[in-house]
N, C-alpha and C. Protein backbone atom coordinates (compact mmCIF):
# COMPACT_ATOMS: atom_id res chain seq x y z
N UNK A 1 16.00 73.47 26.80
CA UNK A 1 17.54 73.01 27.45
C UNK A 1 17.02 72.05 28.06
N UNK A 2 17.98 70.37 28.10
CA UNK A 2 17.73 70.42 29.31
C UNK A 2 18.80 69.19 29.67
N UNK A 3 19.70 69.75 30.14
CA UNK A 3 21.21 68.83 30.77
C UNK A 3 21.54 67.70 31.82
N UNK A 4 22.17 67.66 31.53
CA UNK A 4 22.21 65.96 32.37
C UNK A 4 23.96 66.22 32.39
N UNK A 5 23.99 64.70 33.19
CA UNK A 5 25.39 64.36 32.84
C UNK A 5 25.95 62.59 33.33
N UNK A 6 26.95 62.84 32.13
CA UNK A 6 26.62 61.03 32.63
C UNK A 6 28.09 60.21 33.64
N UNK A 7 28.46 61.42 34.15
CA UNK A 7 29.62 61.46 34.93
C UNK A 7 29.58 61.86 36.48
N UNK A 8 28.49 62.86 36.85
CA UNK A 8 28.35 63.03 37.45
C UNK A 8 27.58 61.96 38.42
N UNK A 9 27.72 62.06 40.00
CA UNK A 9 26.06 61.54 40.99
C UNK A 9 26.88 59.12 40.24
N UNK A 10 27.67 59.32 40.45
CA UNK A 10 27.79 57.67 39.97
C UNK A 10 28.03 56.64 41.39
N UNK A 11 26.39 55.99 41.19
CA UNK A 11 26.37 54.70 41.83
C UNK A 11 26.44 53.96 41.65
N UNK A 12 27.26 52.54 41.90
CA UNK A 12 28.07 51.27 41.09
C UNK A 12 27.01 50.18 42.26
N UNK A 13 26.24 49.60 41.39
CA UNK A 13 25.41 48.57 42.57
C UNK A 13 26.41 47.92 42.73
N UNK A 14 26.65 46.76 43.96
CA UNK A 14 27.34 45.57 44.05
C UNK A 14 27.30 44.93 43.89
N UNK A 15 25.35 44.25 43.44
CA UNK A 15 25.31 43.34 43.03
C UNK A 15 24.77 43.19 41.42
N UNK A 16 24.14 44.24 40.63
CA UNK A 16 23.71 44.27 39.96
C UNK A 16 24.36 45.66 39.42
N UNK A 17 24.26 46.15 38.21
CA UNK A 17 24.35 46.54 37.28
C UNK A 17 23.32 48.02 38.23
N UNK A 18 23.22 49.28 38.15
CA UNK A 18 22.74 50.56 37.78
C UNK A 18 21.63 50.89 36.97
N UNK A 19 20.66 51.23 36.97
CA UNK A 19 19.94 52.26 35.26
C UNK A 19 19.08 53.47 36.06
N UNK A 20 19.58 54.28 35.06
CA UNK A 20 19.29 55.99 35.61
C UNK A 20 18.80 56.34 34.60
N UNK A 21 17.31 57.05 34.04
CA UNK A 21 17.33 57.77 33.50
C UNK A 21 17.99 59.09 33.43
N UNK A 22 18.24 59.93 32.25
CA UNK A 22 18.73 60.95 31.86
C UNK A 22 18.66 61.65 32.11
N UNK A 23 17.87 61.92 30.46
CA UNK A 23 16.96 62.52 29.89
C UNK A 23 15.87 61.86 28.37
N UNK A 24 14.61 62.15 28.95
CA UNK A 24 13.71 62.21 27.54
C UNK A 24 12.90 63.23 27.13
N UNK A 25 13.38 63.22 25.65
CA UNK A 25 12.84 63.95 24.02
C UNK A 25 11.69 63.01 24.02
N UNK A 26 10.96 64.36 23.20
CA UNK A 26 9.98 63.91 22.45
C UNK A 26 10.22 62.47 21.56
N UNK A 27 10.91 62.13 21.35
CA UNK A 27 11.90 61.02 21.19
C UNK A 27 12.37 59.23 21.36
N UNK A 28 12.78 59.89 22.30
CA UNK A 28 13.80 59.29 22.81
C UNK A 28 14.06 58.88 24.91
N UNK A 29 14.41 58.18 25.16
CA UNK A 29 14.84 58.30 25.95
C UNK A 29 16.52 58.07 26.38
N UNK A 30 17.35 58.58 26.89
CA UNK A 30 18.54 58.14 27.72
C UNK A 30 18.82 57.36 28.62
N UNK A 31 19.50 56.35 28.80
CA UNK A 31 19.20 55.63 29.77
C UNK A 31 21.17 55.33 30.43
N UNK A 32 21.21 56.43 31.21
CA UNK A 32 22.55 55.70 31.99
C UNK A 32 22.94 54.48 32.62
N UNK A 33 23.92 53.14 32.31
CA UNK A 33 23.20 51.83 33.12
C UNK A 33 25.58 52.07 33.41
N UNK A 34 25.65 51.88 35.02
CA UNK A 34 26.49 51.59 35.43
C UNK A 34 27.17 50.20 36.02
N UNK A 35 27.66 49.17 35.29
CA UNK A 35 28.25 47.76 35.25
C UNK A 35 29.61 47.90 36.52
N UNK A 36 29.85 47.43 36.68
CA UNK A 36 30.58 46.60 38.00
C UNK A 36 31.86 45.91 37.33
N UNK A 37 32.80 45.16 37.33
CA UNK A 37 34.01 43.88 36.88
C UNK A 37 32.98 42.80 37.22
N UNK A 38 32.84 42.51 35.68
CA UNK A 38 32.23 40.68 36.24
C UNK A 38 30.51 40.76 36.26
N UNK A 39 29.74 42.20 36.44
CA UNK A 39 28.30 41.74 36.63
C UNK A 39 27.58 41.84 34.93
N UNK A 40 27.07 41.50 34.65
CA UNK A 40 26.03 40.99 33.57
C UNK A 40 24.62 41.26 32.84
N UNK A 41 24.49 41.30 32.09
CA UNK A 41 23.32 41.28 31.42
C UNK A 41 22.22 40.71 30.75
N UNK A 42 22.19 39.80 31.09
CA UNK A 42 22.07 38.39 30.21
C UNK A 42 20.75 38.92 29.08
N UNK A 43 21.43 37.81 28.17
CA UNK A 43 19.94 37.62 27.35
C UNK A 43 18.51 38.13 26.99
N UNK A 44 18.79 39.67 26.27
CA UNK A 44 17.41 39.90 26.08
C UNK A 44 17.25 40.45 25.30
N UNK A 45 16.31 41.05 24.44
CA UNK A 45 15.56 42.17 23.17
C UNK A 45 14.98 43.11 23.92
N UNK A 46 15.00 44.62 22.79
CA UNK A 46 14.64 45.38 23.42
C UNK A 46 12.96 45.12 22.30
N UNK A 47 12.33 45.91 22.46
CA UNK A 47 11.07 45.92 21.31
C UNK A 47 11.02 46.93 20.28
N UNK A 48 11.69 47.93 20.62
CA UNK A 48 12.69 48.62 19.29
C UNK A 48 13.72 49.02 19.14
N UNK A 49 14.48 49.29 18.23
CA UNK A 49 15.61 50.16 18.30
C UNK A 49 16.07 50.27 19.29
N UNK A 50 17.60 50.57 19.23
CA UNK A 50 18.06 51.07 20.31
C UNK A 50 20.16 51.48 20.06
N UNK A 51 20.58 51.98 20.88
CA UNK A 51 21.54 52.28 20.55
C UNK A 51 22.89 52.63 21.66
N UNK A 52 23.91 51.85 22.16
CA UNK A 52 24.81 51.62 23.17
C UNK A 52 25.44 52.13 22.95
N UNK A 53 26.27 53.20 23.89
CA UNK A 53 27.74 54.55 23.53
C UNK A 53 27.83 53.59 25.03
N UNK A 54 29.09 52.82 24.90
CA UNK A 54 30.31 53.05 25.65
C UNK A 54 31.23 53.57 26.04
N UNK A 55 30.79 54.47 26.96
CA UNK A 55 30.93 55.98 27.56
C UNK A 55 32.95 55.49 27.93
N UNK A 56 32.24 54.41 29.49
CA UNK A 56 33.68 54.42 30.14
C UNK A 56 33.66 52.60 30.11
N UNK A 57 34.38 52.20 29.91
CA UNK A 57 35.42 50.77 29.97
C UNK A 57 34.96 49.88 28.72
N UNK A 58 34.81 48.53 29.95
CA UNK A 58 35.37 47.75 28.47
C UNK A 58 33.75 45.93 29.35
N UNK A 59 33.25 46.60 27.62
CA UNK A 59 32.09 44.78 28.10
C UNK A 59 32.58 43.79 26.85
N UNK A 60 31.99 42.94 27.25
CA UNK A 60 31.85 41.93 25.73
C UNK A 60 30.27 42.01 25.60
N UNK A 61 30.19 42.00 24.11
CA UNK A 61 28.57 42.67 24.16
C UNK A 61 28.56 41.29 22.84
N UNK A 62 27.13 40.31 23.35
CA UNK A 62 27.39 39.26 22.86
C UNK A 62 25.26 39.72 21.90
N UNK A 63 25.70 38.89 20.76
CA UNK A 63 24.85 38.94 19.67
C UNK A 63 24.78 37.59 18.36
N UNK A 64 23.68 37.11 18.98
CA UNK A 64 23.44 36.15 17.54
C UNK A 64 24.02 34.73 19.07
N UNK A 65 25.14 34.44 19.85
CA UNK A 65 25.82 33.87 19.88
C UNK A 65 27.47 33.78 19.32
N UNK A 66 27.52 35.33 19.06
CA UNK A 66 29.24 36.00 18.26
C UNK A 66 29.69 36.84 19.64
N UNK A 67 30.87 36.76 20.35
CA UNK A 67 30.55 38.64 21.08
C UNK A 67 31.54 39.07 20.32
N UNK A 68 31.61 40.81 20.88
CA UNK A 68 31.84 41.17 20.12
C UNK A 68 32.78 42.15 21.44
N UNK A 69 33.56 42.55 21.32
CA UNK A 69 34.31 43.51 22.44
C UNK A 69 34.09 44.84 22.20
N UNK A 70 33.50 45.73 23.30
CA UNK A 70 33.31 47.40 23.63
C UNK A 70 33.92 47.73 24.13
N UNK A 71 34.25 49.08 23.71
CA UNK A 71 35.85 49.37 24.49
C UNK A 71 35.24 51.36 24.41
N UNK A 72 35.58 51.80 25.53
CA UNK A 72 35.33 53.15 25.76
C UNK A 72 35.24 54.04 24.22
N UNK A 73 34.10 54.95 23.88
CA UNK A 73 34.12 55.67 22.70
C UNK A 73 33.49 54.35 21.70
N UNK A 74 33.53 53.14 21.65
CA UNK A 74 32.28 52.73 20.97
C UNK A 74 30.80 52.75 20.99
N UNK A 75 30.57 53.39 19.52
CA UNK A 75 28.59 53.15 19.66
C UNK A 75 28.27 51.57 18.99
N UNK A 76 27.08 50.99 19.42
CA UNK A 76 26.07 49.47 18.24
C UNK A 76 25.36 49.46 18.70
N UNK A 77 24.70 49.90 16.79
CA UNK A 77 23.11 50.25 16.91
C UNK A 77 21.99 49.04 16.54
N UNK A 78 21.46 48.43 17.51
CA UNK A 78 20.91 46.53 17.25
C UNK A 78 19.19 47.47 16.74
N UNK A 79 18.65 46.81 15.48
CA UNK A 79 17.53 46.91 15.15
C UNK A 79 16.34 46.20 16.59
N UNK A 80 15.26 46.28 16.13
CA UNK A 80 14.13 46.01 17.54
C UNK A 80 14.20 44.38 17.75
N UNK A 81 14.36 43.63 18.44
CA UNK A 81 13.70 42.10 18.58
C UNK A 81 15.11 41.71 19.31
N UNK A 82 16.47 42.05 18.70
CA UNK A 82 18.06 41.08 18.31
C UNK A 82 18.08 41.81 19.90
N UNK A 83 18.01 39.58 19.61
CA UNK A 83 18.37 38.97 21.19
C UNK A 83 20.14 39.34 21.94
N UNK A 84 20.62 39.78 22.71
CA UNK A 84 22.17 40.31 23.17
C UNK A 84 21.92 40.01 24.57
N UNK A 85 23.36 40.07 25.14
CA UNK A 85 23.52 40.13 26.15
C UNK A 85 25.55 41.32 26.63
N UNK A 86 25.42 41.01 27.88
CA UNK A 86 26.15 42.17 28.23
C UNK A 86 27.12 41.67 29.37
N UNK A 87 28.02 41.78 29.48
CA UNK A 87 29.33 41.01 30.34
C UNK A 87 30.66 42.30 30.52
N UNK A 88 30.62 43.04 31.55
CA UNK A 88 31.14 43.59 32.10
C UNK A 88 32.94 43.26 32.02
N UNK A 89 33.75 43.11 31.35
CA UNK A 89 35.01 42.97 31.55
C UNK A 89 35.77 44.67 32.87
N UNK A 90 35.66 45.16 33.12
CA UNK A 90 35.81 46.65 33.33
C UNK A 90 35.45 47.86 33.21
N UNK A 91 34.80 47.84 35.08
CA UNK A 91 34.11 49.14 35.20
C UNK A 91 33.66 49.88 34.44
N UNK A 92 32.58 50.38 33.85
CA UNK A 92 31.95 50.90 32.96
C UNK A 92 30.55 52.26 33.57
N UNK A 93 30.77 53.09 32.78
CA UNK A 93 29.15 53.60 32.10
C UNK A 93 28.58 53.63 30.22
N UNK A 94 27.71 53.16 30.24
CA UNK A 94 26.41 52.44 28.87
C UNK A 94 25.31 53.74 28.84
N UNK A 95 25.23 54.24 27.95
CA UNK A 95 24.50 55.73 27.50
C UNK A 95 23.59 55.16 26.75
N UNK A 96 22.40 54.31 27.20
CA UNK A 96 21.41 53.49 27.21
C UNK A 96 20.35 54.57 25.92
N UNK A 97 20.52 54.49 24.10
CA UNK A 97 18.94 55.45 23.69
C UNK A 97 17.90 54.55 23.30
N UNK A 98 15.78 54.50 23.80
CA UNK A 98 15.67 53.75 23.82
C UNK A 98 14.34 54.56 22.93
N UNK A 99 13.55 53.77 22.84
CA UNK A 99 12.54 54.40 22.15
C UNK A 99 11.67 55.13 23.50
N UNK A 100 10.98 56.35 23.26
CA UNK A 100 10.20 57.01 24.24
C UNK A 100 9.52 55.78 24.62
N UNK A 101 8.43 55.20 23.62
CA UNK A 101 7.73 53.91 23.53
C UNK A 101 7.74 52.96 24.54
N UNK A 102 9.25 52.53 24.33
CA UNK A 102 10.18 51.17 25.10
C UNK A 102 10.23 51.50 27.04
N UNK A 103 9.60 51.22 28.15
CA UNK A 103 9.42 51.11 28.99
C UNK A 103 10.69 51.45 29.80
N UNK A 104 10.73 51.83 30.92
CA UNK A 104 12.40 51.58 31.98
C UNK A 104 12.43 50.39 32.36
N UNK A 105 11.51 50.09 33.06
CA UNK A 105 11.44 49.33 33.87
C UNK A 105 10.94 47.60 33.38
N UNK A 106 11.65 47.60 31.70
CA UNK A 106 12.16 46.75 31.02
C UNK A 106 13.94 46.41 31.14
N UNK A 107 13.67 48.04 31.19
CA UNK A 107 16.14 47.93 31.35
C UNK A 107 15.59 47.36 32.55
N UNK A 108 15.16 47.90 33.24
CA UNK A 108 15.94 47.54 35.02
C UNK A 108 15.48 45.84 35.15
N UNK A 109 14.62 45.62 34.72
CA UNK A 109 14.16 43.91 35.02
C UNK A 109 14.97 42.96 34.58
N UNK A 110 15.63 43.20 33.66
CA UNK A 110 17.29 43.32 32.73
C UNK A 110 17.80 42.92 33.45
N UNK A 111 18.39 43.57 34.81
CA UNK A 111 19.50 43.61 35.47
C UNK A 111 18.82 43.01 36.31
């Protein structure tokens, strides 16, 4: 058993989102991204499928030029190599699930 918390030790970056690995399993990495209102992650893509859960807050989530508002409790799944971007509308906690083969540094490089 590997416990972790999405809501403990929250430190929001003033200039850019904060990326923290919470758990690593045999198949996935569970990453917490903290974003303050007005911060963004410019268009990027992941080399493997991903799942994004908005645990708290609100973001504009862009895919292929279309924006969708994600709010607390929303989930979205993307296949590999789908360009997407995020704009934080209110302070948020995001849970990002990536393949264990994916690089956490890749996620950090986006912010």
